[in-house]
């Protein structure tokens, strides 16, 4: 052991740990065992805060039940609060993807909290005779109830941030819908001209889709409020005293402000990842619909000369290293890629949940990793799309008007007034000659001009009349 180290002991023997590290021997072995992503759990601050909140709640419950001396409980609580304030996050060094059902993350938290608590009590780091990571910080707990509970708390907080980001994007689309409410254009089905609509109606649909998805996400998040804290190893509550589960839940609710509930059956709750699967499915739904909206934005803005060119996306960067003047729809493109990631993460979460065996699912670390990436990346994508793209979209009004006037689809609006047979004949002639539908209707005397003008008013053919 060098002067810069301290020696710690575990099941496998003695190891030297840097003297100034708040983590200990269990964390050291985990760092060596899991060089997987290169991303430590410190990169997931919601998880670190949630782990600290769970440990603080446990200390409060243990002190309340007379299992933990007041001075030890106070030191643990203070350390946890410091972590939740942002301190010592750099000491959470284990890889986010790890074997052991989250034991490495739990022990990383136990060791950091214990060593900070020791400092607060006037002792050296590693002097566990005074306050021990397992015997005191982990008292009445198991990784199998601590880690899932922390993951759920972290997920709820992250979902709230995603809901806020979705509101920003929804309001941006709604503002454009109002701005474009009187601009007539052709609607399309199967990429073929269909019937006229307004550009405002088109953008309003994007806002409504987001609003619907926000409702579904909020509903799914309610399921994640059910926790198994107090279940200990497999749900039987072994080594946790009577009353601990409720006391710990109450303390955690007070700490987080979340309306948490203890699962009715802790054996079921300890092995069941159904809430994560359901939430991931809703995230996939959001991703799919958001990606579809971005596909539309890219298609509507295609051009500028040889595409639809119905709208203009704000130019945010040069588009090519070889083609001068080219500007690409890079913001919708990056959102598309986030959507692809979320869809892939849903498959990962599904397989991880399915792979659980008997009384525990050992694969919650990858569920945490995948859920966190999906939620945080979707939130960033929503804000980016709103702020860097949607708010700056403009309409090519003249091109939109010309597309309606020249479209054969316009005849559909006249079908009830001139009959299907006559409308079909007009459509065929317009297609063959390149002439406009309105011009041919007047030429064939199918409608008087004033009646035709009334029927082709934007608010009439787009269905926006009161």
Protein backbone atom coordinates (compact mmCIF):
# COMPACT_ATOMS: atom_id res chain seq x y z
CA UNK A 1 0.00 0.00 0.00
CA UNK A 2 1.40 3.40 -0.97
CA UNK A 3 1.05 6.62 0.99
CA UNK A 4 -1.66 7.69 -1.38
CA UNK A 5 -3.82 4.62 -0.75
CA UNK A 6 -5.91 3.04 1.96
CA UNK A 7 -6.55 -0.69 2.31
CA UNK A 8 -10.07 -2.10 2.29
CA UNK A 9 -11.36 -5.64 2.65
CA UNK A 10 -14.26 -7.54 1.06
CA UNK A 11 -15.32 -11.12 0.41
CA UNK A 12 -12.49 -11.66 -2.08
CA UNK A 13 -9.72 -10.17 0.02
CA UNK A 14 -7.79 -6.91 0.46
CA UNK A 15 -7.42 -4.15 -2.14
CA UNK A 16 -5.80 -0.75 -2.11
CA UNK A 17 -8.11 2.19 -2.80
CA UNK A 18 -7.00 5.79 -3.43
CA UNK A 19 -6.98 7.50 -0.05
CA UNK A 20 -8.97 10.49 -1.25
CA UNK A 21 -11.70 8.43 -2.95
CA UNK A 22 -15.13 8.33 -1.37
CA UNK A 23 -15.83 5.01 -3.09
CA UNK A 24 -14.35 1.79 -1.78
CA UNK A 25 -13.35 -1.78 -2.60
CA UNK A 26 -16.73 -2.90 -3.98
CA UNK A 27 -16.76 0.02 -6.39
CA UNK A 28 -13.14 -0.65 -7.36
CA UNK A 29 -13.94 -4.22 -8.38
CA UNK A 30 -17.01 -3.07 -10.32
CA UNK A 31 -14.96 -0.54 -12.27
CA UNK A 32 -12.52 -3.31 -13.18
CA UNK A 33 -15.25 -5.80 -14.04
CA UNK A 34 -17.47 -3.65 -16.24
CA UNK A 35 -15.49 -1.56 -18.77
CA UNK A 36 -18.52 -1.59 -21.07
CA UNK A 37 -19.83 1.82 -22.15
CA UNK A 38 -17.24 4.17 -20.70
CA UNK A 39 -20.15 6.09 -19.19
CA UNK A 40 -20.30 6.08 -15.40
CA UNK A 41 -23.56 6.36 -13.52
CA UNK A 42 -22.49 9.92 -12.69
CA UNK A 43 -23.62 10.65 -16.25
CA UNK A 44 -27.17 9.96 -15.05
CA UNK A 45 -27.67 12.63 -12.37
CA UNK A 46 -31.33 11.74 -11.87
CA UNK A 47 -30.24 8.24 -10.81
CA UNK A 48 -27.58 9.55 -8.42
CA UNK A 49 -30.08 11.94 -6.83
CA UNK A 50 -32.63 9.12 -6.57
CA UNK A 51 -30.15 6.73 -4.95
CA UNK A 52 -29.28 9.41 -2.40
CA UNK A 53 -32.97 10.05 -1.76
CA UNK A 54 -33.61 6.34 -1.16
CA UNK A 55 -30.65 6.09 1.23
CA UNK A 56 -31.82 9.20 3.09
CA UNK A 57 -35.33 7.76 3.38
CA UNK A 58 -33.95 4.46 4.66
CA UNK A 59 -31.83 6.23 7.27
CA UNK A 60 -34.83 8.22 8.42
CA UNK A 61 -36.98 5.09 8.69
CA UNK A 62 -34.27 3.14 10.51
CA UNK A 63 -33.76 5.98 13.00
CA UNK A 64 -37.51 6.27 13.52
CA UNK A 65 -37.73 2.55 14.28
CA UNK A 66 -34.77 2.68 16.68
CA UNK A 67 -32.41 0.64 14.49
CA UNK A 68 -29.90 3.39 13.73
CA UNK A 69 -28.23 5.66 16.27
CA UNK A 70 -29.31 9.30 15.83
CA UNK A 71 -25.77 10.60 15.18
CA UNK A 72 -25.17 7.98 12.47
CA UNK A 73 -28.55 8.66 10.89
CA UNK A 74 -27.88 12.40 10.91
CA UNK A 75 -24.49 11.93 9.23
CA UNK A 76 -25.98 9.66 6.55
CA UNK A 77 -28.86 12.06 5.91
CA UNK A 78 -26.48 15.02 5.62
CA UNK A 79 -24.28 13.14 3.16
CA UNK A 80 -27.31 12.19 1.07
CA UNK A 81 -28.55 15.76 0.98
CA UNK A 82 -25.15 16.99 -0.14
CA UNK A 83 -25.25 14.48 -3.00
CA UNK A 84 -28.74 15.62 -3.98
CA UNK A 85 -27.40 19.17 -4.03
CA UNK A 86 -24.86 18.09 -6.65
CA UNK A 87 -21.80 17.29 -4.56
CA UNK A 88 -19.72 14.11 -4.95
CA UNK A 89 -21.38 13.05 -8.20
CA UNK A 90 -17.92 12.48 -9.64
CA UNK A 91 -17.47 9.69 -7.08
CA UNK A 92 -20.14 7.56 -8.73
CA UNK A 93 -17.79 5.80 -11.10
CA UNK A 94 -19.22 2.37 -11.94
CA UNK A 95 -20.32 1.77 -15.52
CA UNK A 96 -24.02 2.23 -16.15
CA UNK A 97 -24.24 -1.24 -17.74
CA UNK A 98 -23.17 -3.81 -15.17
CA UNK A 99 -23.86 -7.34 -14.03
CA UNK A 100 -25.37 -8.03 -10.63
CA UNK A 101 -28.84 -6.45 -10.92
CA UNK A 102 -27.52 -3.03 -9.89
CA UNK A 103 -25.49 -4.18 -6.88
CA UNK A 104 -22.47 -2.20 -8.08
CA UNK A 105 -24.51 1.01 -8.26
CA UNK A 106 -25.98 0.36 -4.83
CA UNK A 107 -22.57 -0.34 -3.30
CA UNK A 108 -21.06 2.69 -5.00
CA UNK A 109 -23.75 4.77 -3.29
CA UNK A 110 -23.29 2.98 0.05
CA UNK A 111 -19.54 3.60 0.04
CA UNK A 112 -19.68 7.24 -1.02
CA UNK A 113 -22.35 8.02 1.56
CA UNK A 114 -20.54 6.08 4.29
CA UNK A 115 -17.20 7.78 3.70
CA UNK A 116 -18.73 11.24 3.57
CA UNK A 117 -20.67 10.44 6.75
CA UNK A 118 -17.45 9.29 8.40
CA UNK A 119 -15.88 12.66 7.56
CA UNK A 120 -18.86 14.44 9.07
CA UNK A 121 -18.43 12.35 12.24
CA UNK A 122 -14.73 13.24 12.42
CA UNK A 123 -13.29 9.94 11.18
CA UNK A 124 -11.11 8.95 8.26
CA UNK A 125 -12.45 7.51 5.04
CA UNK A 126 -12.45 3.73 5.20
CA UNK A 127 -12.70 3.61 9.00
CA UNK A 128 -15.83 1.50 8.78
CA UNK A 129 -15.76 0.44 12.45
CA UNK A 130 -17.56 3.70 13.15
CA UNK A 131 -20.02 3.65 10.24
CA UNK A 132 -20.24 0.86 7.69
CA UNK A 133 -21.53 0.94 4.07
CA UNK A 134 -23.48 -2.30 4.50
CA UNK A 135 -24.36 -2.38 8.16
CA UNK A 136 -25.52 1.22 8.44
CA UNK A 137 -26.05 2.89 5.05
CA UNK A 138 -27.62 -0.27 3.62
CA UNK A 139 -29.49 -1.19 6.82
CA UNK A 140 -32.91 -2.86 6.20
CA UNK A 141 -32.25 -2.79 2.46
CA UNK A 142 -31.17 -4.88 -0.50
CA UNK A 143 -30.01 -3.85 -3.93
CA UNK A 144 -33.17 -5.56 -5.11
CA UNK A 145 -35.45 -2.95 -3.56
CA UNK A 146 -33.09 0.04 -3.52
CA UNK A 147 -32.08 0.00 -7.17
CA UNK A 148 -35.55 -0.51 -8.72
CA UNK A 149 -36.98 2.19 -6.46
CA UNK A 150 -34.20 4.61 -7.41
CA UNK A 151 -34.69 3.83 -11.09
CA UNK A 152 -38.39 4.59 -10.76
CA UNK A 153 -37.82 7.87 -8.93
CA UNK A 154 -35.23 8.92 -11.50
CA UNK A 155 -37.56 7.96 -14.34
CA UNK A 156 -40.48 9.96 -12.95
CA UNK A 157 -38.36 13.11 -12.71
CA UNK A 158 -37.01 12.60 -16.23
CA UNK A 159 -40.51 12.03 -17.63
CA UNK A 160 -41.66 15.31 -16.12
CA UNK A 161 -38.88 17.08 -17.99
CA UNK A 162 -39.89 15.31 -21.21
CA UNK A 163 -43.50 16.41 -20.74
CA UNK A 164 -42.29 20.00 -20.36
CA UNK A 165 -40.23 19.72 -23.56
CA UNK A 166 -43.18 18.26 -25.43
CA UNK A 167 -45.25 21.26 -24.33
CA UNK A 168 -42.65 23.59 -25.83
CA UNK A 169 -42.86 21.78 -29.17
CA UNK A 170 -46.64 21.47 -29.10
CA UNK A 171 -47.02 25.19 -28.50
CA UNK A 172 -44.61 25.93 -31.36
CA UNK A 173 -46.68 23.83 -33.76
CA UNK A 174 -49.90 25.39 -32.45
CA UNK A 175 -48.53 28.89 -33.02
CA UNK A 176 -47.67 27.98 -36.62
CA UNK A 177 -51.12 26.48 -37.06
CA UNK A 178 -52.63 29.82 -36.09
CA UNK A 179 -50.21 31.76 -38.30
CA UNK A 180 -51.00 29.56 -41.32
CA UNK A 181 -54.75 29.21 -40.72
CA UNK A 182 -55.79 31.04 -43.92
CA UNK A 183 -53.19 29.59 -46.31
CA UNK A 184 -54.78 27.14 -48.71
CA UNK A 185 -52.84 24.13 -50.00
CA UNK A 186 -53.40 20.67 -51.39
CA UNK A 187 -53.70 17.77 -48.99
CA UNK A 188 -52.17 14.50 -50.13
CA UNK A 189 -52.83 10.82 -49.56
CA UNK A 190 -50.30 8.22 -50.68
CA UNK A 191 -48.23 11.15 -51.96
CA UNK A 192 -50.93 11.93 -54.55
CA UNK A 193 -53.09 15.05 -54.68
CA UNK A 194 -56.18 14.56 -52.54
CA UNK A 195 -58.33 17.53 -51.52
CA UNK A 196 -57.59 21.09 -50.45
CA UNK A 197 -56.89 22.02 -46.84
CA UNK A 198 -55.10 24.82 -45.05
CA UNK A 199 -51.48 24.79 -43.98
CA UNK A 200 -52.80 25.67 -40.54
CA UNK A 201 -54.79 22.44 -40.43
CA UNK A 202 -51.68 20.51 -41.34
CA UNK A 203 -49.64 22.04 -38.49
CA UNK A 204 -52.53 21.77 -36.08
CA UNK A 205 -52.46 18.00 -36.54
CA UNK A 206 -48.85 17.90 -35.33
CA UNK A 207 -49.81 19.85 -32.20
CA UNK A 208 -52.76 17.57 -31.48
CA UNK A 209 -50.64 14.42 -31.93
CA UNK A 210 -48.20 15.73 -29.32
CA UNK A 211 -51.01 16.60 -26.93
CA UNK A 212 -52.42 13.09 -27.19
CA UNK A 213 -49.00 11.57 -26.57
CA UNK A 214 -48.47 13.78 -23.52
CA UNK A 215 -51.66 12.35 -22.02
CA UNK A 216 -50.55 8.79 -22.71
CA UNK A 217 -47.10 9.48 -21.22
CA UNK A 218 -48.55 11.00 -18.06
CA UNK A 219 -50.80 7.94 -17.67
CA UNK A 220 -47.88 5.54 -18.13
CA UNK A 221 -45.79 7.43 -15.58
CA UNK A 222 -48.44 6.81 -12.93
CA UNK A 223 -47.57 3.10 -12.99
CA UNK A 224 -43.96 3.89 -12.16
CA UNK A 225 -45.02 5.47 -8.85
CA UNK A 226 -45.50 1.98 -7.38
CA UNK A 227 -42.29 0.95 -5.56
CA UNK A 228 -40.97 -2.12 -3.77
CA UNK A 229 -38.87 -0.39 -1.09
CA UNK A 230 -38.94 -2.65 1.95
CA UNK A 231 -39.06 -5.82 -0.11
CA UNK A 232 -35.33 -6.48 0.53
CA UNK A 233 -33.97 -9.50 -1.36
CA UNK A 234 -36.97 -11.17 -3.03
CA UNK A 235 -40.02 -9.40 -1.66
CA UNK A 236 -40.44 -11.15 1.69
CA UNK A 237 -38.97 -8.23 3.62
CA UNK A 238 -36.31 -10.36 5.28
CA UNK A 239 -34.08 -8.31 7.64
CA UNK A 240 -36.43 -5.31 7.48
CA UNK A 241 -38.46 -4.76 10.66
CA UNK A 242 -42.23 -4.48 10.81
CA UNK A 243 -43.29 -1.02 9.72
CA UNK A 244 -40.10 -0.30 7.79
CA UNK A 245 -41.61 -0.43 4.28
CA UNK A 246 -44.28 2.15 5.10
CA UNK A 247 -41.89 4.36 7.05
CA UNK A 248 -39.33 4.30 4.24
CA UNK A 249 -42.01 5.06 1.62
CA UNK A 250 -43.31 7.97 3.70
CA UNK A 251 -39.81 9.42 4.14
CA UNK A 252 -39.05 9.00 0.43
CA UNK A 253 -42.30 10.69 -0.52
CA UNK A 254 -41.47 13.62 1.76
CA UNK A 255 -37.97 13.89 0.29
CA UNK A 256 -38.98 13.71 -3.37
CA UNK A 257 -42.45 15.23 -3.27
CA UNK A 258 -43.71 12.30 -5.36
CA UNK A 259 -46.97 10.47 -4.55
CA UNK A 260 -45.30 7.08 -4.19
CA UNK A 261 -47.16 3.93 -3.18
CA UNK A 262 -45.88 0.60 -1.89
CA UNK A 263 -46.79 -2.34 -4.10
CA UNK A 264 -49.52 -4.56 -2.68
CA UNK A 265 -47.43 -7.67 -3.32
CA UNK A 266 -43.71 -7.09 -2.88
CA UNK A 267 -42.72 -10.51 -4.22
CA UNK A 268 -44.48 -9.68 -7.49
CA UNK A 269 -43.15 -6.14 -7.57
CA UNK A 270 -39.53 -7.23 -7.08
CA UNK A 271 -39.51 -9.38 -10.22
CA UNK A 272 -41.96 -7.48 -12.45
CA UNK A 273 -40.67 -4.90 -14.95
CA UNK A 274 -44.01 -4.42 -16.66
CA UNK A 275 -44.26 -0.72 -15.81
CA UNK A 276 -40.95 -0.09 -17.60
CA UNK A 277 -42.12 -2.04 -20.64
CA UNK A 278 -45.34 -0.06 -20.77
CA UNK A 279 -43.56 3.27 -20.38
CA UNK A 280 -41.08 2.34 -23.08
CA UNK A 281 -43.94 1.48 -25.40
CA UNK A 282 -45.37 4.96 -24.94
CA UNK A 283 -41.94 6.48 -25.59
CA UNK A 284 -41.82 4.47 -28.81
CA UNK A 285 -45.25 5.80 -29.75
CA UNK A 286 -44.00 9.37 -29.21
CA UNK A 287 -40.88 8.66 -31.24
CA UNK A 288 -42.77 7.13 -34.15
CA UNK A 289 -45.21 10.02 -34.43
CA UNK A 290 -42.54 12.65 -33.92
CA UNK A 291 -40.45 11.05 -36.64
CA UNK A 292 -43.45 11.01 -38.98
CA UNK A 293 -43.95 14.73 -38.38
CA UNK A 294 -40.29 15.34 -39.20
CA UNK A 295 -40.62 13.27 -42.37
CA UNK A 296 -43.43 15.62 -43.37
CA UNK A 297 -41.36 18.72 -42.65
CA UNK A 298 -38.52 17.41 -44.79
CA UNK A 299 -40.88 16.52 -47.62
CA UNK A 300 -42.86 19.78 -47.51
CA UNK A 301 -39.62 21.78 -47.57
CA UNK A 302 -37.96 19.71 -50.31
CA UNK A 303 -36.43 21.69 -53.14
CA UNK A 304 -35.92 24.57 -53.23
CA UNK A 305 -36.61 24.37 -56.98
CA UNK A 306 -37.16 20.71 -57.79
CA UNK A 307 -39.21 19.60 -54.78
CA UNK A 308 -42.53 20.50 -53.13
CA UNK A 309 -41.10 23.70 -51.64
CA UNK A 310 -44.35 24.47 -49.81
CA UNK A 311 -42.60 25.62 -46.65
CA UNK A 312 -39.15 26.91 -45.80
CA UNK A 313 -37.23 25.56 -42.84
CA UNK A 314 -34.90 28.07 -41.22
CA UNK A 315 -31.35 27.60 -42.55
CA UNK A 316 -29.11 26.72 -39.62
CA UNK A 317 -25.90 25.57 -41.32
CA UNK A 318 -24.32 25.04 -44.70
CA UNK A 319 -25.47 21.74 -46.14
CA UNK A 320 -22.63 20.44 -48.23
CA UNK A 321 -18.87 20.33 -48.51
CA UNK A 322 -19.12 20.08 -52.30
CA UNK A 323 -22.43 21.67 -53.39
CA UNK A 324 -22.38 25.45 -52.88
CA UNK A 325 -25.58 26.99 -51.60
CA UNK A 326 -27.12 23.73 -50.43
CA UNK A 327 -29.02 23.81 -47.14
CA UNK A 328 -30.28 20.57 -45.58
CA UNK A 329 -33.13 19.88 -43.12
CA UNK A 330 -30.65 18.92 -40.42
CA UNK A 331 -32.91 19.56 -37.42
CA UNK A 332 -35.69 17.18 -38.54
CA UNK A 333 -32.96 14.73 -39.51
CA UNK A 334 -31.46 14.67 -36.02
CA UNK A 335 -34.91 14.20 -34.50
CA UNK A 336 -35.49 11.27 -36.86
CA UNK A 337 -32.31 9.68 -35.55
CA UNK A 338 -33.38 10.12 -31.93
CA UNK A 339 -36.64 8.38 -32.86
CA UNK A 340 -34.73 5.46 -34.36
CA UNK A 341 -32.73 5.18 -31.13
CA UNK A 342 -35.87 5.17 -28.98
CA UNK A 343 -37.43 2.44 -31.10
CA UNK A 344 -34.29 0.35 -30.69
CA UNK A 345 -34.22 1.02 -26.95
CA UNK A 346 -37.77 -0.28 -26.72
CA UNK A 347 -36.60 -3.60 -28.14
CA UNK A 348 -33.77 -3.70 -25.58
CA UNK A 349 -36.12 -2.94 -22.69
CA UNK A 350 -38.57 -5.57 -23.91
CA UNK A 351 -35.88 -8.26 -24.07
CA UNK A 352 -34.41 -7.26 -20.70
CA UNK A 353 -37.79 -7.44 -19.00
CA UNK A 354 -38.53 -10.80 -20.61
CA UNK A 355 -35.19 -12.21 -19.49
CA UNK A 356 -35.98 -11.96 -15.79
CA UNK A 357 -36.00 -15.29 -13.97
CA UNK A 358 -37.89 -16.38 -10.88
CA UNK A 359 -37.82 -13.77 -8.08
CA UNK A 360 -35.63 -11.09 -9.68
CA UNK A 361 -34.82 -9.38 -12.94
CA UNK A 362 -31.04 -9.02 -13.13
CA UNK A 363 -31.15 -6.75 -16.17
CA UNK A 364 -32.53 -3.51 -14.79
CA UNK A 365 -29.22 -1.66 -15.42
CA UNK A 366 -29.77 -1.89 -19.18
CA UNK A 367 -33.42 -0.94 -18.65
CA UNK A 368 -32.31 2.15 -16.73
CA UNK A 369 -29.72 3.01 -19.37
CA UNK A 370 -32.17 2.59 -22.26
CA UNK A 371 -35.07 4.39 -20.60
CA UNK A 372 -32.88 7.28 -19.56
CA UNK A 373 -31.41 7.67 -23.04
CA UNK A 374 -34.87 7.55 -24.62
CA UNK A 375 -36.41 10.07 -22.25
CA UNK A 376 -33.56 12.58 -22.14
CA UNK A 377 -32.85 12.42 -25.86
CA UNK A 378 -36.52 12.82 -26.74
CA UNK A 379 -36.71 15.86 -24.47
CA UNK A 380 -33.66 17.41 -26.11
CA UNK A 381 -35.03 16.58 -29.55
CA UNK A 382 -38.39 18.24 -28.81
CA UNK A 383 -36.76 21.44 -27.60
CA UNK A 384 -34.31 21.49 -30.50
CA UNK A 385 -37.04 20.94 -33.08
CA UNK A 386 -39.15 23.70 -31.57
CA UNK A 387 -36.42 26.28 -31.11
CA UNK A 388 -34.18 25.58 -34.11
CA UNK A 389 -36.81 24.69 -36.67
CA UNK A 390 -40.55 25.02 -36.11
CA UNK A 391 -40.58 28.58 -34.80
CA UNK A 392 -38.73 29.77 -37.91
CA UNK A 393 -40.80 27.97 -40.57
CA UNK A 394 -42.31 30.17 -43.28
CA UNK A 395 -44.84 29.37 -45.98
CA UNK A 396 -44.40 29.71 -49.75
CA UNK A 397 -47.87 31.16 -50.15
CA UNK A 398 -47.84 31.64 -53.91
CA UNK A 399 -46.60 28.13 -54.59
CA UNK A 400 -49.28 26.72 -52.32
CA UNK A 401 -52.02 28.72 -54.04
CA UNK A 402 -50.80 27.67 -57.47
CA UNK A 403 -50.75 24.01 -56.46
CA UNK A 404 -54.40 24.21 -55.47
CA UNK A 405 -55.44 26.03 -58.65
CA UNK A 406 -53.58 23.57 -60.85
CA UNK A 407 -54.54 20.44 -58.96
CA UNK A 408 -56.99 17.94 -60.39
CA UNK A 409 -57.87 17.13 -56.78
CA UNK A 410 -59.87 20.36 -56.74
CA UNK A 411 -62.58 18.57 -58.66
CA UNK A 412 -63.42 16.51 -55.58
CA UNK A 413 -64.84 19.64 -53.94
CA UNK A 414 -67.16 20.08 -56.94
CA UNK A 415 -68.27 16.46 -57.11
CA UNK A 416 -71.49 16.97 -55.06
CA UNK A 417 -72.49 19.86 -57.31
CA UNK A 418 -71.74 18.59 -60.83
CA UNK A 419 -71.98 14.82 -60.27
CA UNK A 420 -69.36 12.08 -60.22
CA UNK A 421 -69.49 11.38 -63.97
CA UNK A 422 -69.01 15.00 -64.98
CA UNK A 423 -66.32 15.45 -62.32
CA UNK A 424 -64.44 12.44 -63.65
CA UNK A 425 -64.58 13.80 -67.20
CA UNK A 426 -63.28 17.18 -66.03
CA UNK A 427 -60.43 15.47 -64.14
CA UNK A 428 -59.44 13.46 -67.21
CA UNK A 429 -59.50 16.49 -69.48
CA UNK A 430 -57.52 18.59 -67.00
CA UNK A 431 -54.90 15.88 -66.77
CA UNK A 432 -54.68 15.47 -70.55
CA UNK A 433 -54.56 19.17 -71.39
CA UNK A 434 -52.83 20.69 -68.39
CA UNK A 435 -55.68 23.17 -68.00
CA UNK A 436 -57.25 24.12 -64.67
CA UNK A 437 -60.36 22.46 -63.23
CA UNK A 438 -62.20 25.74 -62.63
CA UNK A 439 -61.51 26.89 -66.18
CA UNK A 440 -62.95 23.68 -67.65
CA UNK A 441 -66.03 23.70 -65.40
CA UNK A 442 -66.90 27.18 -66.63
CA UNK A 443 -66.17 26.28 -70.26
CA UNK A 444 -68.52 23.29 -70.12
CA UNK A 445 -71.21 25.35 -68.42
CA UNK A 446 -71.42 23.00 -65.46
CA UNK A 447 -71.66 25.82 -62.90
CA UNK A 448 -72.20 29.60 -63.08
CA UNK A 449 -69.15 31.65 -62.24
CA UNK A 450 -70.50 33.13 -59.02
CA UNK A 451 -71.50 29.70 -57.74
CA UNK A 452 -68.10 28.26 -58.67
CA UNK A 453 -66.32 31.14 -56.94
CA UNK A 454 -68.34 30.56 -53.78
CA UNK A 455 -67.63 26.83 -53.78
CA UNK A 456 -63.90 27.38 -54.21
CA UNK A 457 -63.49 29.81 -51.32
CA UNK A 458 -60.65 28.60 -49.09
CA UNK A 459 -62.81 28.34 -45.99
CA UNK A 460 -65.40 26.38 -47.94
CA UNK A 461 -63.18 23.75 -49.53
CA UNK A 462 -60.94 23.38 -46.49
CA UNK A 463 -63.90 22.84 -44.17
CA UNK A 464 -63.04 25.74 -41.91
CA UNK A 465 -66.42 27.50 -42.10
CA UNK A 466 -68.28 27.87 -38.81
